[in-house]
Amino acid sequence: MNEAGEWIAEQLSEEGLMVTSGFVDLVLDMEWTAIEEGVDPDARGPVVDAVMAKMAEENVHVGPPPDTLSTDGIDTSQIRPVPRQFVEQVLSWEDDFLGFAGVRRADVAG
């Protein structure tokens, strides 16, 4: 799973979604925390809900790409909560990563 974050971030960037491997790792950490807390690893909706709740608890936000920022700093009007679609896409690519490894999420969680 250590390699998953970088690989997933690379796949997302090829789709035009600019996220860091650190963001991907954060989503994956929150996912596994939710699973450890009892969320069914095969129930995508509840897993995404749990990650979104943890993002809100920790006040995680996304902003504009760095090249769109002015020299005065970040335009805070462009900072917003993490879109649900970002989390769903990370988990979808994680499914592919685990599939290539021949592993099911439930097996890793068990």
PDB file of N, CA and C in Angstrom:
ATOM      1  N   MET A   1       0.820  -1.208   0.000  1.00  0.00           N
ATOM      2  CA  MET A   1       0.000   0.000   0.000  1.00  0.00           C
ATOM      3  C   MET A   1       0.858   1.263   0.000  1.00  0.00           C
ATOM      4  N   ASN A   2       2.137   1.136   0.365  1.00  0.00           N
ATOM      5  CA  ASN A   2       3.002   2.315   0.357  1.00  0.00           C
ATOM      6  C   ASN A   2       3.152   2.903  -1.039  1.00  0.00           C
ATOM      7  N   GLU A   3       3.110   2.051  -2.062  1.00  0.00           N
ATOM      8  CA  GLU A   3       3.250   2.518  -3.435  1.00  0.00           C
ATOM      9  C   GLU A   3       1.938   3.051  -3.996  1.00  0.00           C
ATOM     10  N   ALA A   4       0.841   2.735  -3.375  1.00  0.00           N
ATOM     11  CA  ALA A   4      -0.479   3.066  -3.915  1.00  0.00           C
ATOM     12  C   ALA A   4      -0.682   4.568  -4.087  1.00  0.00           C
ATOM     13  N   GLY A   5      -0.306   5.366  -3.109  1.00  0.00           N
ATOM     14  CA  GLY A   5      -0.552   6.811  -3.159  1.00  0.00           C
ATOM     15  C   GLY A   5       0.052   7.476  -4.374  1.00  0.00           C
ATOM     16  N   GLU A   6       1.317   7.192  -4.632  1.00  0.00           N
ATOM     17  CA  GLU A   6       1.976   7.809  -5.788  1.00  0.00           C
ATOM     18  C   GLU A   6       1.352   7.333  -7.088  1.00  0.00           C
ATOM     19  N   TRP A   7       1.073   6.040  -7.183  1.00  0.00           N
ATOM     20  CA  TRP A   7       0.498   5.488  -8.402  1.00  0.00           C
ATOM     21  C   TRP A   7      -0.883   6.077  -8.666  1.00  0.00           C
ATOM     22  N   ILE A   8      -1.706   6.154  -7.615  1.00  0.00           N
ATOM     23  CA  ILE A   8      -3.057   6.708  -7.762  1.00  0.00           C
ATOM     24  C   ILE A   8      -2.990   8.175  -8.160  1.00  0.00           C
ATOM     25  N   ALA A   9      -2.117   8.957  -7.526  1.00  0.00           N
ATOM     26  CA  ALA A   9      -1.980  10.374  -7.882  1.00  0.00           C
ATOM     27  C   ALA A   9      -1.569  10.520  -9.346  1.00  0.00           C
ATOM     28  N   GLU A  10      -0.693   9.651  -9.804  1.00  0.00           N
ATOM     29  CA  GLU A  10      -0.266   9.682 -11.205  1.00  0.00           C
ATOM     30  C   GLU A  10      -1.445   9.387 -12.131  1.00  0.00           C
ATOM     31  N   GLN A  11      -2.255   8.393 -11.794  1.00  0.00           N
ATOM     32  CA  GLN A  11      -3.421   8.055 -12.612  1.00  0.00           C
ATOM     33  C   GLN A  11      -4.412   9.216 -12.645  1.00  0.00           C
ATOM     34  N   LEU A  12      -4.629   9.844 -11.506  1.00  0.00           N
ATOM     35  CA  LEU A  12      -5.557  10.962 -11.441  1.00  0.00           C
ATOM     36  C   LEU A  12      -5.053  12.153 -12.254  1.00  0.00           C
ATOM     37  N   SER A  13      -3.744  12.388 -12.219  1.00  0.00           N
ATOM     38  CA  SER A  13      -3.202  13.514 -12.988  1.00  0.00           C
ATOM     39  C   SER A  13      -3.353  13.265 -14.481  1.00  0.00           C
ATOM     40  N   GLU A  14      -3.257  12.003 -14.899  1.00  0.00           N
ATOM     41  CA  GLU A  14      -3.481  11.680 -16.309  1.00  0.00           C
ATOM     42  C   GLU A  14      -4.928  11.936 -16.712  1.00  0.00           C
ATOM     43  N   GLU A  15      -5.841  11.908 -15.739  1.00  0.00           N
ATOM     44  CA  GLU A  15      -7.249  12.220 -15.989  1.00  0.00           C
ATOM     45  C   GLU A  15      -7.520  13.720 -15.867  1.00  0.00           C
ATOM     46  N   GLY A  16      -6.498  14.497 -15.529  1.00  0.00           N
ATOM     47  CA  GLY A  16      -6.657  15.940 -15.398  1.00  0.00           C
ATOM     48  C   GLY A  16      -6.979  16.421 -13.998  1.00  0.00           C
ATOM     49  N   LEU A  17      -6.966  15.528 -13.015  1.00  0.00           N
ATOM     50  CA  LEU A  17      -7.241  15.902 -11.624  1.00  0.00           C
ATOM     51  C   LEU A  17      -5.900  16.043 -10.911  1.00  0.00           C
ATOM     52  N   MET A  18      -5.528  17.255 -10.602  1.00  0.00           N
ATOM     53  CA  MET A  18      -4.227  17.515 -10.007  1.00  0.00           C
ATOM     54  C   MET A  18      -4.295  17.390  -8.483  1.00  0.00           C
ATOM     55  N   VAL A  19      -3.837  16.260  -7.999  1.00  0.00           N
ATOM     56  CA  VAL A  19      -3.750  16.023  -6.558  1.00  0.00           C
ATOM     57  C   VAL A  19      -2.363  15.472  -6.250  1.00  0.00           C
ATOM     58  N   THR A  20      -1.924  15.678  -5.041  1.00  0.00           N
ATOM     59  CA  THR A  20      -0.621  15.157  -4.629  1.00  0.00           C
ATOM     60  C   THR A  20      -0.774  13.753  -4.081  1.00  0.00           C
ATOM     61  N   SER A  21       0.338  13.037  -4.043  1.00  0.00           N
ATOM     62  CA  SER A  21       0.296  11.710  -3.425  1.00  0.00           C
ATOM     63  C   SER A  21      -0.018  11.848  -1.933  1.00  0.00           C
ATOM     64  N   GLY A  22       0.337  12.979  -1.333  1.00  0.00           N
ATOM     65  CA  GLY A  22       0.002  13.222   0.073  1.00  0.00           C
ATOM     66  C   GLY A  22      -1.496  13.289   0.296  1.00  0.00           C
ATOM     67  N   PHE A  23      -2.217  13.934  -0.628  1.00  0.00           N
ATOM     68  CA  PHE A  23      -3.678  13.981  -0.537  1.00  0.00           C
ATOM     69  C   PHE A  23      -4.257  12.577  -0.673  1.00  0.00           C
ATOM     70  N   VAL A  24      -3.743  11.815  -1.635  1.00  0.00           N
ATOM     71  CA  VAL A  24      -4.214  10.447  -1.842  1.00  0.00           C
ATOM     72  C   VAL A  24      -3.957   9.621  -0.585  1.00  0.00           C
ATOM     73  N   ASP A  25      -2.763   9.752  -0.012  1.00  0.00           N
ATOM     74  CA  ASP A  25      -2.438   9.022   1.220  1.00  0.00           C
ATOM     75  C   ASP A  25      -3.400   9.397   2.352  1.00  0.00           C
ATOM     76  N   LEU A  26      -3.762  10.683   2.421  1.00  0.00           N
ATOM     77  CA  LEU A  26      -4.707  11.133   3.447  1.00  0.00           C
ATOM     78  C   LEU A  26      -6.062  10.451   3.260  1.00  0.00           C
ATOM     79  N   VAL A  27      -6.549  10.408   2.023  1.00  0.00           N
ATOM     80  CA  VAL A  27      -7.825   9.741   1.748  1.00  0.00           C
ATOM     81  C   VAL A  27      -7.741   8.260   2.138  1.00  0.00           C
ATOM     82  N   LEU A  28      -6.646   7.607   1.733  1.00  0.00           N
ATOM     83  CA  LEU A  28      -6.489   6.181   2.044  1.00  0.00           C
ATOM     84  C   LEU A  28      -6.394   5.949   3.548  1.00  0.00           C
ATOM     85  N   ASP A  29      -5.668   6.820   4.258  1.00  0.00           N
ATOM     86  CA  ASP A  29      -5.577   6.689   5.721  1.00  0.00           C
ATOM     87  C   ASP A  29      -6.949   6.833   6.371  1.00  0.00           C
ATOM     88  N   MET A  30      -7.714   7.817   5.891  1.00  0.00           N
ATOM     89  CA  MET A  30      -9.057   8.024   6.442  1.00  0.00           C
ATOM     90  C   MET A  30      -9.970   6.843   6.119  1.00  0.00           C
ATOM     91  N   GLU A  31      -9.799   6.296   4.916  1.00  0.00           N
ATOM     92  CA  GLU A  31     -10.584   5.120   4.539  1.00  0.00           C
ATOM     93  C   GLU A  31     -10.284   3.958   5.482  1.00  0.00           C
ATOM     94  N   TRP A  32      -9.004   3.667   5.697  1.00  0.00           N
ATOM     95  CA  TRP A  32      -8.638   2.519   6.535  1.00  0.00           C
ATOM     96  C   TRP A  32      -9.020   2.745   7.988  1.00  0.00           C
ATOM     97  N   THR A  33      -8.980   3.995   8.441  1.00  0.00           N
ATOM     98  CA  THR A  33      -9.449   4.302   9.797  1.00  0.00           C
ATOM     99  C   THR A  33     -10.936   3.987   9.903  1.00  0.00           C
ATOM    100  N   ALA A  34     -11.706   4.384   8.884  1.00  0.00           N
ATOM    101  CA  ALA A  34     -13.145   4.111   8.884  1.00  0.00           C
ATOM    102  C   ALA A  34     -13.410   2.612   8.895  1.00  0.00           C
ATOM    103  N   ILE A  35     -12.633   1.877   8.116  1.00  0.00           N
ATOM    104  CA  ILE A  35     -12.805   0.415   8.070  1.00  0.00           C
ATOM    105  C   ILE A  35     -12.472  -0.195   9.425  1.00  0.00           C
ATOM    106  N   GLU A  36     -11.393   0.289  10.047  1.00  0.00           N
ATOM    107  CA  GLU A  36     -11.031  -0.206  11.377  1.00  0.00           C
ATOM    108  C   GLU A  36     -12.113   0.116  12.402  1.00  0.00           C
ATOM    109  N   GLU A  37     -12.854   1.200  12.161  1.00  0.00           N
ATOM    110  CA  GLU A  37     -13.930   1.596  13.072  1.00  0.00           C
ATOM    111  C   GLU A  37     -15.228   0.855  12.778  1.00  0.00           C
ATOM    112  N   GLY A  38     -15.216  -0.035  11.787  1.00  0.00           N
ATOM    113  CA  GLY A  38     -16.376  -0.881  11.549  1.00  0.00           C
ATOM    114  C   GLY A  38     -17.127  -0.680  10.246  1.00  0.00           C
ATOM    115  N   VAL A  39     -16.712   0.266   9.414  1.00  0.00           N
ATOM    116  CA  VAL A  39     -17.388   0.443   8.128  1.00  0.00           C
ATOM    117  C   VAL A  39     -17.034  -0.746   7.233  1.00  0.00           C
ATOM    118  N   ASP A  40     -18.036  -1.294   6.559  1.00  0.00           N
ATOM    119  CA  ASP A  40     -17.838  -2.440   5.663  1.00  0.00           C
ATOM    120  C   ASP A  40     -16.915  -2.026   4.517  1.00  0.00           C
ATOM    121  N   PRO A  41     -15.764  -2.693   4.350  1.00  0.00           N
ATOM    122  CA  PRO A  41     -14.814  -2.303   3.313  1.00  0.00           C
ATOM    123  C   PRO A  41     -15.349  -2.449   1.892  1.00  0.00           C
ATOM    124  N   ASP A  42     -16.382  -3.243   1.706  1.00  0.00           N
ATOM    125  CA  ASP A  42     -16.954  -3.438   0.374  1.00  0.00           C
ATOM    126  C   ASP A  42     -18.161  -2.546   0.102  1.00  0.00           C
ATOM    127  N   ALA A  43     -18.532  -1.715   1.062  1.00  0.00           N
ATOM    128  CA  ALA A  43     -19.682  -0.818   0.909  1.00  0.00           C
ATOM    129  C   ALA A  43     -19.170   0.579   0.554  1.00  0.00           C
ATOM    130  N   ARG A  44     -19.037   0.842  -0.745  1.00  0.00           N
ATOM    131  CA  ARG A  44     -18.416   2.085  -1.210  1.00  0.00           C
ATOM    132  C   ARG A  44     -19.081   3.333  -0.639  1.00  0.00           C
ATOM    133  N   GLY A  45     -20.408   3.427  -0.683  1.00  0.00           N
ATOM    134  CA  GLY A  45     -21.093   4.628  -0.197  1.00  0.00           C
ATOM    135  C   GLY A  45     -20.758   4.962   1.247  1.00  0.00           C
ATOM    136  N   PRO A  46     -20.911   4.010   2.164  1.00  0.00           N
ATOM    137  CA  PRO A  46     -20.565   4.307   3.553  1.00  0.00           C
ATOM    138  C   PRO A  46     -19.081   4.636   3.764  1.00  0.00           C
ATOM    139  N   VAL A  47     -18.194   4.023   2.982  1.00  0.00           N
ATOM    140  CA  VAL A  47     -16.773   4.345   3.097  1.00  0.00           C
ATOM    141  C   VAL A  47     -16.542   5.794   2.669  1.00  0.00           C
ATOM    142  N   VAL A  48     -17.118   6.187   1.535  1.00  0.00           N
ATOM    143  CA  VAL A  48     -16.972   7.573   1.063  1.00  0.00           C
ATOM    144  C   VAL A  48     -17.580   8.534   2.077  1.00  0.00           C
ATOM    145  N   ASP A  49     -18.760   8.197   2.607  1.00  0.00           N
ATOM    146  CA  ASP A  49     -19.395   9.049   3.628  1.00  0.00           C
ATOM    147  C   ASP A  49     -18.478   9.239   4.826  1.00  0.00           C
ATOM    148  N   ALA A  50     -17.852   8.152   5.275  1.00  0.00           N
ATOM    149  CA  ALA A  50     -16.957   8.225   6.438  1.00  0.00           C
ATOM    150  C   ALA A  50     -15.743   9.095   6.142  1.00  0.00           C
ATOM    151  N   VAL A  51     -15.171   8.937   4.951  1.00  0.00           N
ATOM    152  CA  VAL A  51     -14.010   9.764   4.585  1.00  0.00           C
ATOM    153  C   VAL A  51     -14.419  11.231   4.494  1.00  0.00           C
ATOM    154  N   MET A  52     -15.563  11.513   3.890  1.00  0.00           N
ATOM    155  CA  MET A  52     -16.034  12.894   3.782  1.00  0.00           C
ATOM    156  C   MET A  52     -16.249  13.506   5.165  1.00  0.00           C
ATOM    157  N   ALA A  53     -16.792  12.726   6.091  1.00  0.00           N
ATOM    158  CA  ALA A  53     -17.006  13.221   7.460  1.00  0.00           C
ATOM    159  C   ALA A  53     -15.672  13.528   8.129  1.00  0.00           C
ATOM    160  N   LYS A  54     -14.673  12.653   7.922  1.00  0.00           N
ATOM    161  CA  LYS A  54     -13.355  12.890   8.513  1.00  0.00           C
ATOM    162  C   LYS A  54     -12.698  14.129   7.889  1.00  0.00           C
ATOM    163  N   MET A  55     -12.910  14.326   6.588  1.00  0.00           N
ATOM    164  CA  MET A  55     -12.376  15.522   5.916  1.00  0.00           C
ATOM    165  C   MET A  55     -12.984  16.779   6.539  1.00  0.00           C
ATOM    166  N   ALA A  56     -14.300  16.750   6.766  1.00  0.00           N
ATOM    167  CA  ALA A  56     -14.974  17.896   7.377  1.00  0.00           C
ATOM    168  C   ALA A  56     -14.482  18.121   8.805  1.00  0.00           C
ATOM    169  N   GLU A  57     -14.329  17.039   9.576  1.00  0.00           N
ATOM    170  CA  GLU A  57     -13.831  17.142  10.958  1.00  0.00           C
ATOM    171  C   GLU A  57     -12.459  17.797  11.003  1.00  0.00           C
ATOM    172  N   GLU A  58     -11.605  17.434  10.058  1.00  0.00           N
ATOM    173  CA  GLU A  58     -10.233  17.933  10.056  1.00  0.00           C
ATOM    174  C   GLU A  58     -10.065  19.195   9.208  1.00  0.00           C
ATOM    175  N   ASN A  59     -11.199  19.729   8.703  1.00  0.00           N
ATOM    176  CA  ASN A  59     -11.202  20.973   7.941  1.00  0.00           C
ATOM    177  C   ASN A  59     -10.266  20.913   6.731  1.00  0.00           C
ATOM    178  N   VAL A  60     -10.321  19.796   6.002  1.00  0.00           N
ATOM    179  CA  VAL A  60      -9.505  19.625   4.797  1.00  0.00           C
ATOM    180  C   VAL A  60     -10.235  20.280   3.641  1.00  0.00           C
ATOM    181  N   HIS A  61      -9.521  21.126   2.907  1.00  0.00           N
ATOM    182  CA  HIS A  61     -10.083  21.850   1.777  1.00  0.00           C
ATOM    183  C   HIS A  61      -9.171  21.720   0.568  1.00  0.00           C
ATOM    184  N   VAL A  62      -9.710  22.050  -0.589  1.00  0.00           N
ATOM    185  CA  VAL A  62      -8.914  22.107  -1.814  1.00  0.00           C
ATOM    186  C   VAL A  62      -8.945  23.538  -2.320  1.00  0.00           C
ATOM    187  N   GLY A  63      -7.949  23.851  -3.102  1.00  0.00           N
ATOM    188  CA  GLY A  63      -7.868  25.195  -3.657  1.00  0.00           C
ATOM    189  C   GLY A  63      -7.507  25.164  -5.116  1.00  0.00           C
ATOM    190  N   PRO A  64      -7.244  26.324  -5.654  1.00  0.00           N
ATOM    191  CA  PRO A  64      -6.904  26.409  -7.073  1.00  0.00           C
ATOM    192  C   PRO A  64      -5.495  25.888  -7.333  1.00  0.00           C
ATOM    193  N   PRO A  65      -5.201  25.515  -8.573  1.00  0.00           N
ATOM    194  CA  PRO A  65      -3.829  25.117  -8.907  1.00  0.00           C
ATOM    195  C   PRO A  65      -2.866  26.272  -8.608  1.00  0.00           C
ATOM    196  N   PRO A  66      -1.658  25.967  -8.149  1.00  0.00           N
ATOM    197  CA  PRO A  66      -0.706  27.019  -7.772  1.00  0.00           C
ATOM    198  C   PRO A  66      -0.438  28.037  -8.875  1.00  0.00           C
ATOM    199  N   ASP A  67      -0.468  27.644 -10.130  1.00  0.00           N
ATOM    200  CA  ASP A  67      -0.147  28.589 -11.190  1.00  0.00           C
ATOM    201  C   ASP A  67      -1.257  29.621 -11.417  1.00  0.00           C
ATOM    202  N   THR A  68      -2.401  29.469 -10.744  1.00  0.00           N
ATOM    203  CA  THR A  68      -3.475  30.450 -10.879  1.00  0.00           C
ATOM    204  C   THR A  68      -3.469  31.460  -9.731  1.00  0.00           C
ATOM    205  N   LEU A  69      -2.556  31.296  -8.793  1.00  0.00           N
ATOM    206  CA  LEU A  69      -2.511  32.197  -7.641  1.00  0.00           C
ATOM    207  C   LEU A  69      -1.802  33.492  -7.992  1.00  0.00           C
ATOM    208  N   SER A  70      -2.242  34.563  -7.380  1.00  0.00           N
ATOM    209  CA  SER A  70      -1.570  35.843  -7.569  1.00  0.00           C
ATOM    210  C   SER A  70      -0.359  35.915  -6.647  1.00  0.00           C
ATOM    211  N   THR A  71       0.453  36.916  -6.834  1.00  0.00           N
ATOM    212  CA  THR A  71       1.616  37.086  -5.965  1.00  0.00           C
ATOM    213  C   THR A  71       1.196  37.510  -4.562  1.00  0.00           C
ATOM    214  N   ASP A  72      -0.061  37.922  -4.416  1.00  0.00           N
ATOM    215  CA  ASP A  72      -0.568  38.327  -3.102  1.00  0.00           C
ATOM    216  C   ASP A  72      -0.967  37.136  -2.246  1.00  0.00           C
ATOM    217  N   GLY A  73      -0.936  35.941  -2.823  1.00  0.00           N
ATOM    218  CA  GLY A  73      -1.296  34.755  -2.058  1.00  0.00           C
ATOM    219  C   GLY A  73      -2.566  34.120  -2.580  1.00  0.00           C
ATOM    220  N   ILE A  74      -3.130  33.261  -1.761  1.00  0.00           N
ATOM    221  CA  ILE A  74      -4.301  32.490  -2.147  1.00  0.00           C
ATOM    222  C   ILE A  74      -5.561  33.341  -2.068  1.00  0.00           C
ATOM    223  N   ASP A  75      -6.358  33.253  -3.093  1.00  0.00           N
ATOM    224  CA  ASP A  75      -7.684  33.862  -3.084  1.00  0.00           C
ATOM    225  C   ASP A  75      -8.585  32.898  -2.319  1.00  0.00           C
ATOM    226  N   THR A  76      -8.893  33.240  -1.080  1.00  0.00           N
ATOM    227  CA  THR A  76      -9.627  32.303  -0.226  1.00  0.00           C
ATOM    228  C   THR A  76     -11.030  32.008  -0.746  1.00  0.00           C
ATOM    229  N   SER A  77     -11.533  32.807  -1.667  1.00  0.00           N
ATOM    230  CA  SER A  77     -12.851  32.519  -2.228  1.00  0.00           C
ATOM    231  C   SER A  77     -12.816  31.264  -3.095  1.00  0.00           C
ATOM    232  N   GLN A  78     -11.608  30.831  -3.490  1.00  0.00           N
ATOM    233  CA  GLN A  78     -11.465  29.651  -4.325  1.00  0.00           C
ATOM    234  C   GLN A  78     -11.228  28.375  -3.516  1.00  0.00           C
ATOM    235  N   ILE A  79     -11.055  28.500  -2.217  1.00  0.00           N
ATOM    236  CA  ILE A  79     -10.843  27.331  -1.368  1.00  0.00           C
ATOM    237  C   ILE A  79     -12.209  26.771  -0.997  1.00  0.00           C
ATOM    238  N   ARG A  80     -12.355  25.447  -1.142  1.00  0.00           N
ATOM    239  CA  ARG A  80     -13.652  24.816  -0.889  1.00  0.00           C
ATOM    240  C   ARG A  80     -13.452  23.423  -0.295  1.00  0.00           C
ATOM    241  N   PRO A  81     -14.502  22.858   0.257  1.00  0.00           N
ATOM    242  CA  PRO A  81     -14.390  21.483   0.775  1.00  0.00           C
ATOM    243  C   PRO A  81     -14.009  20.515  -0.341  1.00  0.00           C
ATOM    244  N   VAL A  82     -13.400  19.419   0.048  1.00  0.00           N
ATOM    245  CA  VAL A  82     -13.009  18.381  -0.911  1.00  0.00           C
ATOM    246  C   VAL A  82     -14.273  17.833  -1.576  1.00  0.00           C
ATOM    247  N   PRO A  83     -14.321  17.852  -2.904  1.00  0.00           N
ATOM    248  CA  PRO A  83     -15.489  17.282  -3.577  1.00  0.00           C
ATOM    249  C   PRO A  83     -15.571  15.763  -3.374  1.00  0.00           C
ATOM    250  N   ARG A  84     -16.766  15.274  -3.196  1.00  0.00           N
ATOM    251  CA  ARG A  84     -16.999  13.841  -3.010  1.00  0.00           C
ATOM    252  C   ARG A  84     -16.387  13.046  -4.166  1.00  0.00           C
ATOM    253  N   GLN A  85     -16.464  13.598  -5.366  1.00  0.00           N
ATOM    254  CA  GLN A  85     -15.940  12.922  -6.550  1.00  0.00           C
ATOM    255  C   GLN A  85     -14.441  12.628  -6.405  1.00  0.00           C
ATOM    256  N   PHE A  86     -13.688  13.521  -5.756  1.00  0.00           N
ATOM    257  CA  PHE A  86     -12.250  13.285  -5.560  1.00  0.00           C
ATOM    258  C   PHE A  86     -12.034  12.013  -4.750  1.00  0.00           C
ATOM    259  N   VAL A  87     -12.784  11.879  -3.670  1.00  0.00           N
ATOM    260  CA  VAL A  87     -12.646  10.703  -2.799  1.00  0.00           C
ATOM    261  C   VAL A  87     -13.060   9.447  -3.563  1.00  0.00           C
ATOM    262  N   GLU A  88     -14.168   9.529  -4.292  1.00  0.00           N
ATOM    263  CA  GLU A  88     -14.639   8.378  -5.062  1.00  0.00           C
ATOM    264  C   GLU A  88     -13.605   7.944  -6.099  1.00  0.00           C
ATOM    265  N   GLN A  89     -12.963   8.919  -6.764  1.00  0.00           N
ATOM    266  CA  GLN A  89     -11.965   8.580  -7.771  1.00  0.00           C
ATOM    267  C   GLN A  89     -10.724   7.951  -7.141  1.00  0.00           C
ATOM    268  N   VAL A  90     -10.294   8.459  -5.997  1.00  0.00           N
ATOM    269  CA  VAL A  90      -9.150   7.857  -5.307  1.00  0.00           C
ATOM    270  C   VAL A  90      -9.459   6.401  -4.968  1.00  0.00           C
ATOM    271  N   LEU A  91     -10.644   6.155  -4.421  1.00  0.00           N
ATOM    272  CA  LEU A  91     -11.004   4.788  -4.030  1.00  0.00           C
ATOM    273  C   LEU A  91     -11.180   3.878  -5.241  1.00  0.00           C
ATOM    274  N   SER A  92     -11.653   4.428  -6.331  1.00  0.00           N
ATOM    275  CA  SER A  92     -11.785   3.634  -7.557  1.00  0.00           C
ATOM    276  C   SER A  92     -10.415   3.198  -8.071  1.00  0.00           C
ATOM    277  N   TRP A  93      -9.458   4.127  -8.069  1.00  0.00           N
ATOM    278  CA  TRP A  93      -8.102   3.760  -8.492  1.00  0.00           C
ATOM    279  C   TRP A  93      -7.450   2.819  -7.491  1.00  0.00           C
ATOM    280  N   GLU A  94      -7.805   2.944  -6.202  1.00  0.00           N
ATOM    281  CA  GLU A  94      -7.291   1.997  -5.215  1.00  0.00           C
ATOM    282  C   GLU A  94      -7.807   0.596  -5.533  1.00  0.00           C
ATOM    283  N   ASP A  95      -9.076   0.505  -5.943  1.00  0.00           N
ATOM    284  CA  ASP A  95      -9.626  -0.793  -6.348  1.00  0.00           C
ATOM    285  C   ASP A  95      -8.786  -1.401  -7.465  1.00  0.00           C
ATOM    286  N   ASP A  96      -8.433  -0.574  -8.456  1.00  0.00           N
ATOM    287  CA  ASP A  96      -7.608  -1.064  -9.566  1.00  0.00           C
ATOM    288  C   ASP A  96      -6.243  -1.510  -9.062  1.00  0.00           C
ATOM    289  N   PHE A  97      -5.641  -0.713  -8.189  1.00  0.00           N
ATOM    290  CA  PHE A  97      -4.321  -1.039  -7.642  1.00  0.00           C
ATOM    291  C   PHE A  97      -4.371  -2.382  -6.916  1.00  0.00           C
ATOM    292  N   LEU A  98      -5.377  -2.545  -6.065  1.00  0.00           N
ATOM    293  CA  LEU A  98      -5.523  -3.809  -5.334  1.00  0.00           C
ATOM    294  C   LEU A  98      -5.812  -4.959  -6.294  1.00  0.00           C
ATOM    295  N   GLY A  99      -6.609  -4.696  -7.324  1.00  0.00           N
ATOM    296  CA  GLY A  99      -6.922  -5.720  -8.315  1.00  0.00           C
ATOM    297  C   GLY A  99      -5.683  -6.199  -9.050  1.00  0.00           C
ATOM    298  N   PHE A 100      -4.808  -5.249  -9.420  1.00  0.00           N
ATOM    299  CA  PHE A 100      -3.558  -5.624 -10.096  1.00  0.00           C
ATOM    300  C   PHE A 100      -2.695  -6.485  -9.181  1.00  0.00           C
ATOM    301  N   ALA A 101      -2.799  -6.241  -7.873  1.00  0.00           N
ATOM    302  CA  ALA A 101      -2.031  -7.002  -6.899  1.00  0.00           C
ATOM    303  C   ALA A 101      -2.728  -8.333  -6.555  1.00  0.00           C
ATOM    304  N   GLY A 102      -3.948  -8.517  -7.071  1.00  0.00           N
ATOM    305  CA  GLY A 102      -4.696  -9.727  -6.785  1.00  0.00           C
ATOM    306  C   GLY A 102      -5.230  -9.784  -5.369  1.00  0.00           C
ATOM    307  N   VAL A 103      -5.562  -8.609  -4.832  1.00  0.00           N
ATOM    308  CA  VAL A 103      -6.005  -8.509  -3.442  1.00  0.00           C
ATOM    309  C   VAL A 103      -7.361  -7.796  -3.396  1.00  0.00           C
ATOM    310  N   ARG A 104      -8.252  -8.275  -2.558  1.00  0.00           N
ATOM    311  CA  ARG A 104      -9.529  -7.569  -2.315  1.00  0.00           C
ATOM    312  C   ARG A 104      -9.370  -6.704  -1.087  1.00  0.00           C
ATOM    313  N   ARG A 105     -10.056  -5.564  -1.085  1.00  0.00           N
ATOM    314  CA  ARG A 105     -10.004  -4.649   0.059  1.00  0.00           C
ATOM    315  C   ARG A 105     -10.397  -5.374   1.351  1.00  0.00           C
ATOM    316  N   ALA A 106     -11.425  -6.204   1.275  1.00  0.00           N
ATOM    317  CA  ALA A 106     -11.885  -6.923   2.476  1.00  0.00           C
ATOM    318  C   ALA A 106     -10.800  -7.847   3.006  1.00  0.00           C
ATOM    319  N   ASP A 107      -9.970  -8.419   2.109  1.00  0.00           N
ATOM    320  CA  ASP A 107      -8.882  -9.283   2.550  1.00  0.00           C
ATOM    321  C   ASP A 107      -7.814  -8.495   3.291  1.00  0.00           C
ATOM    322  N   VAL A 108      -7.515  -7.310   2.778  1.00  0.00           N
ATOM    323  CA  VAL A 108      -6.504  -6.449   3.408  1.00  0.00           C
ATOM    324  C   VAL A 108      -7.016  -5.957   4.762  1.00  0.00           C
ATOM    325  N   ALA A 109      -8.314  -5.654   4.823  1.00  0.00           N
ATOM    326  CA  ALA A 109      -8.909  -5.139   6.060  1.00  0.00           C
ATOM    327  C   ALA A 109      -9.052  -6.212   7.127  1.00  0.00           C
ATOM    328  N   GLY A 110      -9.122  -7.469   6.701  1.00  0.00           N
ATOM    329  CA  GLY A 110      -9.391  -8.546   7.648  1.00  0.00           C
ATOM    330  C   GLY A 110      -8.245  -9.003   8.448  1.00  0.00           C
TER     331      GLY A 110
END
